[in-house]
């Protein structure tokens, strides 16, 4: 289910997945197939990790990478969950072919998947 909630977002962020919802910054983004696919990839990640552990691992990885990079935005960009979603967001068939726990191959720093 896609919901629009303008006041939920910080700076340039426009979408967020919180199982089972996709929150968007404004109504026009509903037609952005790339963004919606990106958020659907996150929903699949959340589901396969049974939701709550996903959020725990997401925050833990972000904290560790923030320390590693000394930059919270660079840490965000290098999260395994985000790297998988950004790498495959333009492939509308990705979720049909995606293997479980595919984010793992994006986990290691500097590794190009």
PDB file of N, CA and C in Angstrom:
ATOM      1  N   UNK A   1       0.842  -1.166   0.000  1.00  0.00           N
ATOM      2  CA  UNK A   1       0.000   0.000   0.000  1.00  0.00           C
ATOM      3  C   UNK A   1       0.894   1.238   0.000  1.00  0.00           C
ATOM      4  N   UNK A   2       0.566   2.199  -0.850  1.00  0.00           N
ATOM      5  CA  UNK A   2       1.337   3.426  -0.973  1.00  0.00           C
ATOM      6  C   UNK A   2       0.582   4.571  -0.302  1.00  0.00           C
ATOM      7  N   UNK A   3       1.277   5.277   0.587  1.00  0.00           N
ATOM      8  CA  UNK A   3       0.703   6.409   1.310  1.00  0.00           C
ATOM      9  C   UNK A   3       1.566   7.645   1.077  1.00  0.00           C
ATOM     10  N   UNK A   4       0.932   8.802   1.023  1.00  0.00           N
ATOM     11  CA  UNK A   4       1.651  10.064   0.872  1.00  0.00           C
ATOM     12  C   UNK A   4       1.631  10.783   2.209  1.00  0.00           C
ATOM     13  N   UNK A   5       2.840  11.164   2.648  1.00  0.00           N
ATOM     14  CA  UNK A   5       2.978  11.839   3.935  1.00  0.00           C
ATOM     15  C   UNK A   5       4.122  12.838   3.812  1.00  0.00           C
ATOM     16  N   UNK A   6       3.803  14.058   3.432  1.00  0.00           N
ATOM     17  CA  UNK A   6       4.792  15.088   3.114  1.00  0.00           C
ATOM     18  C   UNK A   6       5.755  15.419   4.252  1.00  0.00           C
ATOM     19  N   UNK A   7       5.303  15.366   5.472  1.00  0.00           N
ATOM     20  CA  UNK A   7       6.098  15.847   6.602  1.00  0.00           C
ATOM     21  C   UNK A   7       6.976  14.776   7.247  1.00  0.00           C
ATOM     22  N   UNK A   8       7.087  13.645   6.608  1.00  0.00           N
ATOM     23  CA  UNK A   8       7.805  12.507   7.158  1.00  0.00           C
ATOM     24  C   UNK A   8       9.264  12.477   6.708  1.00  0.00           C
ATOM     25  N   UNK A   9       9.628  13.336   5.754  1.00  0.00           N
ATOM     26  CA  UNK A   9      10.899  13.186   5.066  1.00  0.00           C
ATOM     27  C   UNK A   9      11.893  14.291   5.365  1.00  0.00           C
ATOM     28  N   UNK A  10      13.153  13.893   5.407  1.00  0.00           N
ATOM     29  CA  UNK A  10      14.278  14.767   5.685  1.00  0.00           C
ATOM     30  C   UNK A  10      14.998  15.089   4.383  1.00  0.00           C
ATOM     31  N   UNK A  11      15.235  16.342   4.120  1.00  0.00           N
ATOM     32  CA  UNK A  11      15.996  16.832   2.964  1.00  0.00           C
ATOM     33  C   UNK A  11      15.549  16.206   1.653  1.00  0.00           C
ATOM     34  N   UNK A  12      16.470  15.495   0.987  1.00  0.00           N
ATOM     35  CA  UNK A  12      16.213  14.970  -0.361  1.00  0.00           C
ATOM     36  C   UNK A  12      15.537  13.609  -0.391  1.00  0.00           C
ATOM     37  N   UNK A  13      15.223  13.052   0.743  1.00  0.00           N
ATOM     38  CA  UNK A  13      14.585  11.739   0.765  1.00  0.00           C
ATOM     39  C   UNK A  13      13.134  11.871   0.320  1.00  0.00           C
ATOM     40  N   UNK A  14      12.705  10.955  -0.536  1.00  0.00           N
ATOM     41  CA  UNK A  14      11.351  11.064  -1.088  1.00  0.00           C
ATOM     42  C   UNK A  14      10.500   9.811  -0.871  1.00  0.00           C
ATOM     43  N   UNK A  15      11.123   8.717  -0.455  1.00  0.00           N
ATOM     44  CA  UNK A  15      10.385   7.480  -0.252  1.00  0.00           C
ATOM     45  C   UNK A  15      10.939   6.694   0.914  1.00  0.00           C
ATOM     46  N   UNK A  16      10.059   5.900   1.514  1.00  0.00           N
ATOM     47  CA  UNK A  16      10.442   5.090   2.669  1.00  0.00           C
ATOM     48  C   UNK A  16       9.512   3.888   2.747  1.00  0.00           C
ATOM     49  N   UNK A  17      10.093   2.737   2.986  1.00  0.00           N
ATOM     50  CA  UNK A  17       9.305   1.520   3.151  1.00  0.00           C
ATOM     51  C   UNK A  17       9.313   1.096   4.606  1.00  0.00           C
ATOM     52  N   UNK A  18       8.153   0.976   5.170  1.00  0.00           N
ATOM     53  CA  UNK A  18       7.956   0.426   6.508  1.00  0.00           C
ATOM     54  C   UNK A  18       6.874  -0.624   6.369  1.00  0.00           C
ATOM     55  N   UNK A  19       7.259  -1.860   6.458  1.00  0.00           N
ATOM     56  CA  UNK A  19       6.364  -2.981   6.179  1.00  0.00           C
ATOM     57  C   UNK A  19       4.991  -2.761   6.792  1.00  0.00           C
ATOM     58  N   UNK A  20       3.930  -2.893   6.043  1.00  0.00           N
ATOM     59  CA  UNK A  20       3.797  -3.208   4.617  1.00  0.00           C
ATOM     60  C   UNK A  20       3.535  -1.980   3.744  1.00  0.00           C
ATOM     61  N   UNK A  21       3.951  -0.822   4.188  1.00  0.00           N
ATOM     62  CA  UNK A  21       3.627   0.424   3.493  1.00  0.00           C
ATOM     63  C   UNK A  21       4.835   1.024   2.784  1.00  0.00           C
ATOM     64  N   UNK A  22       4.537   1.757   1.719  1.00  0.00           N
ATOM     65  CA  UNK A  22       5.505   2.628   1.077  1.00  0.00           C
ATOM     66  C   UNK A  22       4.989   4.041   1.301  1.00  0.00           C
ATOM     67  N   UNK A  23       5.810   4.869   1.932  1.00  0.00           N
ATOM     68  CA  UNK A  23       5.477   6.271   2.169  1.00  0.00           C
ATOM     69  C   UNK A  23       6.223   7.122   1.145  1.00  0.00           C
ATOM     70  N   UNK A  24       5.501   8.056   0.541  1.00  0.00           N
ATOM     71  CA  UNK A  24       6.099   8.955  -0.438  1.00  0.00           C
ATOM     72  C   UNK A  24       5.934  10.396   0.005  1.00  0.00           C
ATOM     73  N   UNK A  25       6.856  11.248  -0.454  1.00  0.00           N
ATOM     74  CA  UNK A  25       6.844  12.655  -0.069  1.00  0.00           C
ATOM     75  C   UNK A  25       5.689  13.419  -0.712  1.00  0.00           C
ATOM     76  N   UNK A  26       5.348  13.063  -1.961  1.00  0.00           N
ATOM     77  CA  UNK A  26       4.182  13.697  -2.584  1.00  0.00           C
ATOM     78  C   UNK A  26       3.514  12.765  -3.588  1.00  0.00           C
ATOM     79  N   UNK A  27       2.308  13.119  -3.942  1.00  0.00           N
ATOM     80  CA  UNK A  27       1.433  12.274  -4.754  1.00  0.00           C
ATOM     81  C   UNK A  27       1.995  11.986  -6.142  1.00  0.00           C
ATOM     82  N   UNK A  28       2.751  12.920  -6.709  1.00  0.00           N
ATOM     83  CA  UNK A  28       3.283  12.730  -8.063  1.00  0.00           C
ATOM     84  C   UNK A  28       4.288  11.578  -8.132  1.00  0.00           C
ATOM     85  N   UNK A  29       4.871  11.227  -7.010  1.00  0.00           N
ATOM     86  CA  UNK A  29       5.871  10.157  -6.985  1.00  0.00           C
ATOM     87  C   UNK A  29       5.267   8.770  -7.181  1.00  0.00           C
ATOM     88  N   UNK A  30       3.960   8.652  -7.059  1.00  0.00           N
ATOM     89  CA  UNK A  30       3.302   7.358  -7.274  1.00  0.00           C
ATOM     90  C   UNK A  30       3.552   6.821  -8.681  1.00  0.00           C
ATOM     91  N   UNK A  31       3.817   7.716  -9.622  1.00  0.00           N
ATOM     92  CA  UNK A  31       4.042   7.296 -11.012  1.00  0.00           C
ATOM     93  C   UNK A  31       5.519   7.063 -11.326  1.00  0.00           C
ATOM     94  N   UNK A  32       6.395   7.219 -10.351  1.00  0.00           N
ATOM     95  CA  UNK A  32       7.830   6.995 -10.547  1.00  0.00           C
ATOM     96  C   UNK A  32       8.130   5.508 -10.359  1.00  0.00           C
ATOM     97  N   UNK A  33       8.150   4.779 -11.480  1.00  0.00           N
ATOM     98  CA  UNK A  33       8.316   3.319 -11.440  1.00  0.00           C
ATOM     99  C   UNK A  33       9.635   2.906 -10.800  1.00  0.00           C
ATOM    100  N   UNK A  34      10.699   3.679 -11.021  1.00  0.00           N
ATOM    101  CA  UNK A  34      11.999   3.349 -10.450  1.00  0.00           C
ATOM    102  C   UNK A  34      11.965   3.461  -8.933  1.00  0.00           C
ATOM    103  N   UNK A  35      11.400   4.548  -8.431  1.00  0.00           N
ATOM    104  CA  UNK A  35      11.291   4.741  -6.980  1.00  0.00           C
ATOM    105  C   UNK A  35      10.423   3.660  -6.343  1.00  0.00           C
ATOM    106  N   UNK A  36       9.293   3.366  -6.958  1.00  0.00           N
ATOM    107  CA  UNK A  36       8.393   2.346  -6.404  1.00  0.00           C
ATOM    108  C   UNK A  36       9.085   0.990  -6.387  1.00  0.00           C
ATOM    109  N   UNK A  37       9.815   0.658  -7.456  1.00  0.00           N
ATOM    110  CA  UNK A  37      10.537  -0.611  -7.494  1.00  0.00           C
ATOM    111  C   UNK A  37      11.619  -0.652  -6.410  1.00  0.00           C
ATOM    112  N   UNK A  38      12.333   0.460  -6.220  1.00  0.00           N
ATOM    113  CA  UNK A  38      13.339   0.560  -5.160  1.00  0.00           C
ATOM    114  C   UNK A  38      12.711   0.247  -3.799  1.00  0.00           C
ATOM    115  N   UNK A  39      11.571   0.851  -3.524  1.00  0.00           N
ATOM    116  CA  UNK A  39      10.901   0.640  -2.238  1.00  0.00           C
ATOM    117  C   UNK A  39      10.342  -0.776  -2.117  1.00  0.00           C
ATOM    118  N   UNK A  40       9.904  -1.363  -3.218  1.00  0.00           N
ATOM    119  CA  UNK A  40       9.422  -2.754  -3.191  1.00  0.00           C
ATOM    120  C   UNK A  40      10.565  -3.720  -2.886  1.00  0.00           C
ATOM    121  N   UNK A  41      11.755  -3.404  -3.357  1.00  0.00           N
ATOM    122  CA  UNK A  41      12.923  -4.229  -3.025  1.00  0.00           C
ATOM    123  C   UNK A  41      13.136  -4.199  -1.519  1.00  0.00           C
ATOM    124  N   UNK A  42      13.003  -3.016  -0.918  1.00  0.00           N
ATOM    125  CA  UNK A  42      13.124  -2.926   0.539  1.00  0.00           C
ATOM    126  C   UNK A  42      12.029  -3.720   1.248  1.00  0.00           C
ATOM    127  N   UNK A  43      10.826  -3.706   0.734  1.00  0.00           N
ATOM    128  CA  UNK A  43       9.748  -4.497   1.352  1.00  0.00           C
ATOM    129  C   UNK A  43      10.085  -5.982   1.319  1.00  0.00           C
ATOM    130  N   UNK A  44      10.670  -6.446   0.225  1.00  0.00           N
ATOM    131  CA  UNK A  44      11.072  -7.856   0.131  1.00  0.00           C
ATOM    132  C   UNK A  44      12.178  -8.164   1.131  1.00  0.00           C
ATOM    133  N   UNK A  45      13.144  -7.260   1.265  1.00  0.00           N
ATOM    134  CA  UNK A  45      14.214  -7.440   2.243  1.00  0.00           C
ATOM    135  C   UNK A  45      13.631  -7.531   3.655  1.00  0.00           C
ATOM    136  N   UNK A  46      12.696  -6.647   3.953  1.00  0.00           N
ATOM    137  CA  UNK A  46      12.069  -6.630   5.277  1.00  0.00           C
ATOM    138  C   UNK A  46      11.322  -7.931   5.538  1.00  0.00           C
ATOM    139  N   UNK A  47      10.594  -8.398   4.548  1.00  0.00           N
ATOM    140  CA  UNK A  47       9.819  -9.632   4.699  1.00  0.00           C
ATOM    141  C   UNK A  47      10.726 -10.837   4.938  1.00  0.00           C
ATOM    142  N   UNK A  48      11.791 -10.961   4.170  1.00  0.00           N
ATOM    143  CA  UNK A  48      12.649 -12.138   4.322  1.00  0.00           C
ATOM    144  C   UNK A  48      13.414 -12.134   5.641  1.00  0.00           C
ATOM    145  N   UNK A  49      13.591 -10.965   6.240  1.00  0.00           N
ATOM    146  CA  UNK A  49      14.247 -10.889   7.543  1.00  0.00           C
ATOM    147  C   UNK A  49      13.234 -10.778   8.684  1.00  0.00           C
ATOM    148  N   UNK A  50      11.977 -11.042   8.382  1.00  0.00           N
ATOM    149  CA  UNK A  50      10.895 -11.049   9.372  1.00  0.00           C
ATOM    150  C   UNK A  50      10.691  -9.672  10.023  1.00  0.00           C
ATOM    151  N   UNK A  51      10.858  -8.636   9.236  1.00  0.00           N
ATOM    152  CA  UNK A  51      10.573  -7.232   9.519  1.00  0.00           C
ATOM    153  C   UNK A  51      11.444  -6.629  10.628  1.00  0.00           C
ATOM    154  N   UNK A  52      11.212  -6.956  11.884  1.00  0.00           N
ATOM    155  CA  UNK A  52      11.932  -6.309  12.989  1.00  0.00           C
ATOM    156  C   UNK A  52      13.449  -6.524  12.889  1.00  0.00           C
ATOM    157  N   UNK A  53      13.929  -7.733  12.622  1.00  0.00           N
ATOM    158  CA  UNK A  53      15.379  -7.898  12.462  1.00  0.00           C
ATOM    159  C   UNK A  53      15.950  -7.058  11.313  1.00  0.00           C
ATOM    160  N   UNK A  54      15.153  -6.826  10.266  1.00  0.00           N
ATOM    161  CA  UNK A  54      15.618  -5.965   9.178  1.00  0.00           C
ATOM    162  C   UNK A  54      15.976  -4.585   9.717  1.00  0.00           C
ATOM    163  N   UNK A  55      15.073  -3.994  10.496  1.00  0.00           N
ATOM    164  CA  UNK A  55      15.312  -2.644  11.015  1.00  0.00           C
ATOM    165  C   UNK A  55      16.526  -2.631  11.948  1.00  0.00           C
ATOM    166  N   UNK A  56      16.668  -3.652  12.756  1.00  0.00           N
ATOM    167  CA  UNK A  56      17.821  -3.757  13.648  1.00  0.00           C
ATOM    168  C   UNK A  56      19.119  -3.812  12.831  1.00  0.00           C
ATOM    169  N   UNK A  57      19.157  -4.679  11.823  1.00  0.00           N
ATOM    170  CA  UNK A  57      20.361  -4.823  11.001  1.00  0.00           C
ATOM    171  C   UNK A  57      20.636  -3.567  10.184  1.00  0.00           C
ATOM    172  N   UNK A  58      19.588  -2.924   9.700  1.00  0.00           N
ATOM    173  CA  UNK A  58      19.740  -1.694   8.924  1.00  0.00           C
ATOM    174  C   UNK A  58      20.419  -0.621   9.775  1.00  0.00           C
ATOM    175  N   UNK A  59      19.914  -0.413  10.982  1.00  0.00           N
ATOM    176  CA  UNK A  59      20.479   0.605  11.875  1.00  0.00           C
ATOM    177  C   UNK A  59      21.891   0.214  12.311  1.00  0.00           C
ATOM    178  N   UNK A  60      22.101  -1.051  12.641  1.00  0.00           N
ATOM    179  CA  UNK A  60      23.432  -1.506  13.051  1.00  0.00           C
ATOM    180  C   UNK A  60      24.456  -1.289  11.941  1.00  0.00           C
ATOM    181  N   UNK A  61      24.100  -1.685  10.729  1.00  0.00           N
ATOM    182  CA  UNK A  61      25.017  -1.504   9.603  1.00  0.00           C
ATOM    183  C   UNK A  61      25.271  -0.015   9.365  1.00  0.00           C
ATOM    184  N   UNK A  62      24.231   0.804   9.462  1.00  0.00           N
ATOM    185  CA  UNK A  62      24.394   2.243   9.288  1.00  0.00           C
ATOM    186  C   UNK A  62      25.339   2.831  10.352  1.00  0.00           C
ATOM    187  N   UNK A  63      25.169   2.418  11.600  1.00  0.00           N
ATOM    188  CA  UNK A  63      26.044   2.916  12.670  1.00  0.00           C
ATOM    189  C   UNK A  63      27.498   2.519  12.423  1.00  0.00           C
ATOM    190  N   UNK A  64      27.720   1.266  12.094  1.00  0.00           N
ATOM    191  CA  UNK A  64      29.087   0.794  11.849  1.00  0.00           C
ATOM    192  C   UNK A  64      29.727   1.503  10.661  1.00  0.00           C
ATOM    193  N   UNK A  65      28.962   1.680   9.600  1.00  0.00           N
ATOM    194  CA  UNK A  65      29.513   2.340   8.415  1.00  0.00           C
ATOM    195  C   UNK A  65      29.660   3.847   8.620  1.00  0.00           C
ATOM    196  N   UNK A  66      28.842   4.427   9.472  1.00  0.00           N
ATOM    197  CA  UNK A  66      29.023   5.840   9.810  1.00  0.00           C
ATOM    198  C   UNK A  66      30.356   6.025  10.527  1.00  0.00           C
ATOM    199  N   UNK A  67      30.673   5.121  11.407  1.00  0.00           N
ATOM    200  CA  UNK A  67      31.971   5.165  12.095  1.00  0.00           C
ATOM    201  C   UNK A  67      33.098   4.932  11.086  1.00  0.00           C
ATOM    202  N   UNK A  68      32.906   3.971  10.208  1.00  0.00           N
ATOM    203  CA  UNK A  68      33.927   3.629   9.220  1.00  0.00           C
ATOM    204  C   UNK A  68      34.217   4.809   8.287  1.00  0.00           C
ATOM    205  N   UNK A  69      33.157   5.422   7.754  1.00  0.00           N
ATOM    206  CA  UNK A  69      33.315   6.514   6.791  1.00  0.00           C
ATOM    207  C   UNK A  69      33.392   7.904   7.438  1.00  0.00           C
ATOM    208  N   UNK A  70      32.985   8.005   8.696  1.00  0.00           N
ATOM    209  CA  UNK A  70      32.868   9.292   9.374  1.00  0.00           C
ATOM    210  C   UNK A  70      31.945  10.239   8.600  1.00  0.00           C
ATOM    211  N   UNK A  71      30.924   9.645   7.999  1.00  0.00           N
ATOM    212  CA  UNK A  71      29.984  10.403   7.168  1.00  0.00           C
ATOM    213  C   UNK A  71      28.681   9.594   7.103  1.00  0.00           C
ATOM    214  N   UNK A  72      27.621  10.120   7.699  1.00  0.00           N
ATOM    215  CA  UNK A  72      26.375   9.347   7.777  1.00  0.00           C
ATOM    216  C   UNK A  72      25.712   9.153   6.423  1.00  0.00           C
ATOM    217  N   UNK A  73      25.839  10.126   5.517  1.00  0.00           N
ATOM    218  CA  UNK A  73      25.224   9.963   4.195  1.00  0.00           C
ATOM    219  C   UNK A  73      25.991   8.933   3.365  1.00  0.00           C
ATOM    220  N   UNK A  74      27.305   8.969   3.438  1.00  0.00           N
ATOM    221  CA  UNK A  74      28.104   7.961   2.724  1.00  0.00           C
ATOM    222  C   UNK A  74      27.810   6.574   3.297  1.00  0.00           C
ATOM    223  N   UNK A  75      27.612   6.506   4.613  1.00  0.00           N
ATOM    224  CA  UNK A  75      27.236   5.237   5.240  1.00  0.00           C
ATOM    225  C   UNK A  75      25.916   4.736   4.667  1.00  0.00           C
ATOM    226  N   UNK A  76      24.926   5.627   4.584  1.00  0.00           N
ATOM    227  CA  UNK A  76      23.627   5.268   3.999  1.00  0.00           C
ATOM    228  C   UNK A  76      23.793   4.737   2.581  1.00  0.00           C
ATOM    229  N   UNK A  77      24.571   5.430   1.769  1.00  0.00           N
ATOM    230  CA  UNK A  77      24.774   5.024   0.377  1.00  0.00           C
ATOM    231  C   UNK A  77      25.429   3.653   0.263  1.00  0.00           C
ATOM    232  N   UNK A  78      26.166   3.250   1.288  1.00  0.00           N
ATOM    233  CA  UNK A  78      26.893   1.989   1.248  1.00  0.00           C
ATOM    234  C   UNK A  78      26.262   0.872   2.064  1.00  0.00           C
ATOM    235  N   UNK A  79      25.056   1.078   2.541  1.00  0.00           N
ATOM    236  CA  UNK A  79      24.344  -0.006   3.221  1.00  0.00           C
ATOM    237  C   UNK A  79      24.038  -1.106   2.219  1.00  0.00           C
ATOM    238  N   UNK A  80      24.191  -2.329   2.619  1.00  0.00           N
ATOM    239  CA  UNK A  80      23.922  -3.444   1.705  1.00  0.00           C
ATOM    240  C   UNK A  80      22.495  -3.396   1.174  1.00  0.00           C
ATOM    241  N   UNK A  81      21.553  -3.035   2.015  1.00  0.00           N
ATOM    242  CA  UNK A  81      20.148  -2.973   1.601  1.00  0.00           C
ATOM    243  C   UNK A  81      19.942  -1.896   0.541  1.00  0.00           C
ATOM    244  N   UNK A  82      20.584  -0.754   0.725  1.00  0.00           N
ATOM    245  CA  UNK A  82      20.457   0.342  -0.235  1.00  0.00           C
ATOM    246  C   UNK A  82      21.218   0.041  -1.526  1.00  0.00           C
ATOM    247  N   UNK A  83      22.386  -0.547  -1.397  1.00  0.00           N
ATOM    248  CA  UNK A  83      23.173  -0.879  -2.594  1.00  0.00           C
ATOM    249  C   UNK A  83      22.407  -1.850  -3.483  1.00  0.00           C
ATOM    250  N   UNK A  84      21.771  -2.854  -2.875  1.00  0.00           N
ATOM    251  CA  UNK A  84      20.975  -3.782  -3.681  1.00  0.00           C
ATOM    252  C   UNK A  84      19.822  -3.059  -4.350  1.00  0.00           C
ATOM    253  N   UNK A  85      19.114  -2.234  -3.598  1.00  0.00           N
ATOM    254  CA  UNK A  85      17.947  -1.542  -4.148  1.00  0.00           C
ATOM    255  C   UNK A  85      18.351  -0.574  -5.267  1.00  0.00           C
ATOM    256  N   UNK A  86      19.406   0.216  -5.054  1.00  0.00           N
ATOM    257  CA  UNK A  86      19.837   1.148  -6.098  1.00  0.00           C
ATOM    258  C   UNK A  86      20.364   0.416  -7.336  1.00  0.00           C
ATOM    259  N   UNK A  87      21.074  -0.669  -7.139  1.00  0.00           N
ATOM    260  CA  UNK A  87      21.635  -1.415  -8.274  1.00  0.00           C
ATOM    261  C   UNK A  87      20.560  -2.044  -9.149  1.00  0.00           C
ATOM    262  N   UNK A  88      19.394  -2.314  -8.570  1.00  0.00           N
ATOM    263  CA  UNK A  88      18.363  -3.056  -9.301  1.00  0.00           C
ATOM    264  C   UNK A  88      17.042  -2.313  -9.463  1.00  0.00           C
ATOM    265  N   UNK A  89      16.982  -1.070  -9.058  1.00  0.00           N
ATOM    266  CA  UNK A  89      15.724  -0.333  -9.068  1.00  0.00           C
ATOM    267  C   UNK A  89      15.153  -0.122 -10.465  1.00  0.00           C
ATOM    268  N   UNK A  90      15.977  -0.114 -11.491  1.00  0.00           N
ATOM    269  CA  UNK A  90      15.476   0.097 -12.850  1.00  0.00           C
ATOM    270  C   UNK A  90      15.063  -1.201 -13.543  1.00  0.00           C
ATOM    271  N   UNK A  91      15.334  -2.311 -12.911  1.00  0.00           N
ATOM    272  CA  UNK A  91      14.969  -3.613 -13.464  1.00  0.00           C
ATOM    273  C   UNK A  91      13.620  -4.038 -12.882  1.00  0.00           C
ATOM    274  N   UNK A  92      12.560  -3.834 -13.637  1.00  0.00           N
ATOM    275  CA  UNK A  92      11.219  -4.133 -13.139  1.00  0.00           C
ATOM    276  C   UNK A  92      10.979  -5.635 -12.954  1.00  0.00           C
ATOM    277  N   UNK A  93      11.851  -6.471 -13.512  1.00  0.00           N
ATOM    278  CA  UNK A  93      11.728  -7.920 -13.366  1.00  0.00           C
ATOM    279  C   UNK A  93      12.564  -8.456 -12.199  1.00  0.00           C
ATOM    280  N   UNK A  94      13.302  -7.584 -11.546  1.00  0.00           N
ATOM    281  CA  UNK A  94      14.247  -8.024 -10.517  1.00  0.00           C
ATOM    282  C   UNK A  94      13.588  -8.837  -9.411  1.00  0.00           C
ATOM    283  N   UNK A  95      12.473  -8.398  -8.900  1.00  0.00           N
ATOM    284  CA  UNK A  95      11.851  -9.102  -7.774  1.00  0.00           C
ATOM    285  C   UNK A  95      11.349 -10.494  -8.156  1.00  0.00           C
ATOM    286  N   UNK A  96      11.026 -10.702  -9.431  1.00  0.00           N
ATOM    287  CA  UNK A  96      10.602 -12.033  -9.873  1.00  0.00           C
ATOM    288  C   UNK A  96      11.784 -13.006  -9.919  1.00  0.00           C
ATOM    289  N   UNK A  97      12.986 -12.476 -10.157  1.00  0.00           N
ATOM    290  CA  UNK A  97      14.171 -13.322 -10.304  1.00  0.00           C
ATOM    291  C   UNK A  97      15.080 -13.303  -9.077  1.00  0.00           C
ATOM    292  N   UNK A  98      14.843 -12.393  -8.170  1.00  0.00           N
ATOM    293  CA  UNK A  98      15.712 -12.184  -7.014  1.00  0.00           C
ATOM    294  C   UNK A  98      15.739 -13.412  -6.110  1.00  0.00           C
ATOM    295  N   UNK A  99      16.945 -13.797  -5.696  1.00  0.00           N
ATOM    296  CA  UNK A  99      17.105 -14.883  -4.732  1.00  0.00           C
ATOM    297  C   UNK A  99      17.045 -14.305  -3.327  1.00  0.00           C
ATOM    298  N   UNK A 100      16.596 -15.103  -2.380  1.00  0.00           N
ATOM    299  CA  UNK A 100      16.505 -14.667  -0.984  1.00  0.00           C
ATOM    300  C   UNK A 100      17.869 -14.226  -0.469  1.00  0.00           C
ATOM    301  N   UNK A 101      17.855 -13.192   0.346  1.00  0.00           N
ATOM    302  CA  UNK A 101      19.052 -12.653   0.994  1.00  0.00           C
ATOM    303  C   UNK A 101      20.093 -12.134   0.000  1.00  0.00           C
ATOM    304  N   UNK A 102      19.629 -11.649  -1.138  1.00  0.00           N
ATOM    305  CA  UNK A 102      20.542 -11.113  -2.155  1.00  0.00           C
ATOM    306  C   UNK A 102      21.310  -9.893  -1.684  1.00  0.00           C
ATOM    307  N   UNK A 103      20.794  -9.210  -0.678  1.00  0.00           N
ATOM    308  CA  UNK A 103      21.503  -8.039  -0.149  1.00  0.00           C
ATOM    309  C   UNK A 103      22.872  -8.415   0.410  1.00  0.00           C
ATOM    310  N   UNK A 104      23.060  -9.685   0.779  1.00  0.00           N
ATOM    311  CA  UNK A 104      24.320 -10.126   1.391  1.00  0.00           C
ATOM    312  C   UNK A 104      25.520  -9.904   0.473  1.00  0.00           C
ATOM    313  N   UNK A 105      25.323 -10.041  -0.831  1.00  0.00           N
ATOM    314  CA  UNK A 105      26.471  -9.856  -1.725  1.00  0.00           C
ATOM    315  C   UNK A 105      26.881  -8.392  -1.836  1.00  0.00           C
ATOM    316  N   UNK A 106      26.075  -7.484  -1.277  1.00  0.00           N
ATOM    317  CA  UNK A 106      26.396  -6.057  -1.270  1.00  0.00           C
ATOM    318  C   UNK A 106      26.936  -5.596   0.090  1.00  0.00           C
ATOM    319  N   UNK A 107      27.120  -6.524   0.997  1.00  0.00           N
ATOM    320  CA  UNK A 107      27.467  -6.186   2.366  1.00  0.00           C
ATOM    321  C   UNK A 107      28.882  -5.635   2.521  1.00  0.00           C
ATOM    322  N   UNK A 108      29.836  -6.211   1.871  1.00  0.00           N
ATOM    323  CA  UNK A 108      31.238  -5.866   2.095  1.00  0.00           C
ATOM    324  C   UNK A 108      31.583  -4.532   1.480  1.00  0.00           C
ATOM    325  N   UNK A 109      32.342  -3.745   2.195  1.00  0.00           N
ATOM    326  CA  UNK A 109      32.761  -2.428   1.745  1.00  0.00           C
ATOM    327  C   UNK A 109      33.580  -2.522   0.476  1.00  0.00           C
ATOM    328  N   UNK A 110      33.263  -1.674  -0.463  1.00  0.00           N
ATOM    329  CA  UNK A 110      34.047  -1.597  -1.678  1.00  0.00           C
ATOM    330  C   UNK A 110      33.788  -2.688  -2.694  1.00  0.00           C
ATOM    331  N   UNK A 111      33.023  -3.697  -2.339  1.00  0.00           N
ATOM    332  CA  UNK A 111      32.750  -4.786  -3.257  1.00  0.00           C
ATOM    333  C   UNK A 111      31.664  -4.356  -4.235  1.00  0.00           C
ATOM    334  N   UNK A 112      31.929  -4.490  -5.503  1.00  0.00           N
ATOM    335  CA  UNK A 112      30.935  -4.190  -6.524  1.00  0.00           C
ATOM    336  C   UNK A 112      30.195  -5.474  -6.849  1.00  0.00           C
ATOM    337  N   UNK A 113      28.875  -5.416  -6.689  1.00  0.00           N
ATOM    338  CA  UNK A 113      28.080  -6.623  -6.944  1.00  0.00           C
ATOM    339  C   UNK A 113      27.494  -6.603  -8.328  1.00  0.00           C
TER     340      UNK A 113
END
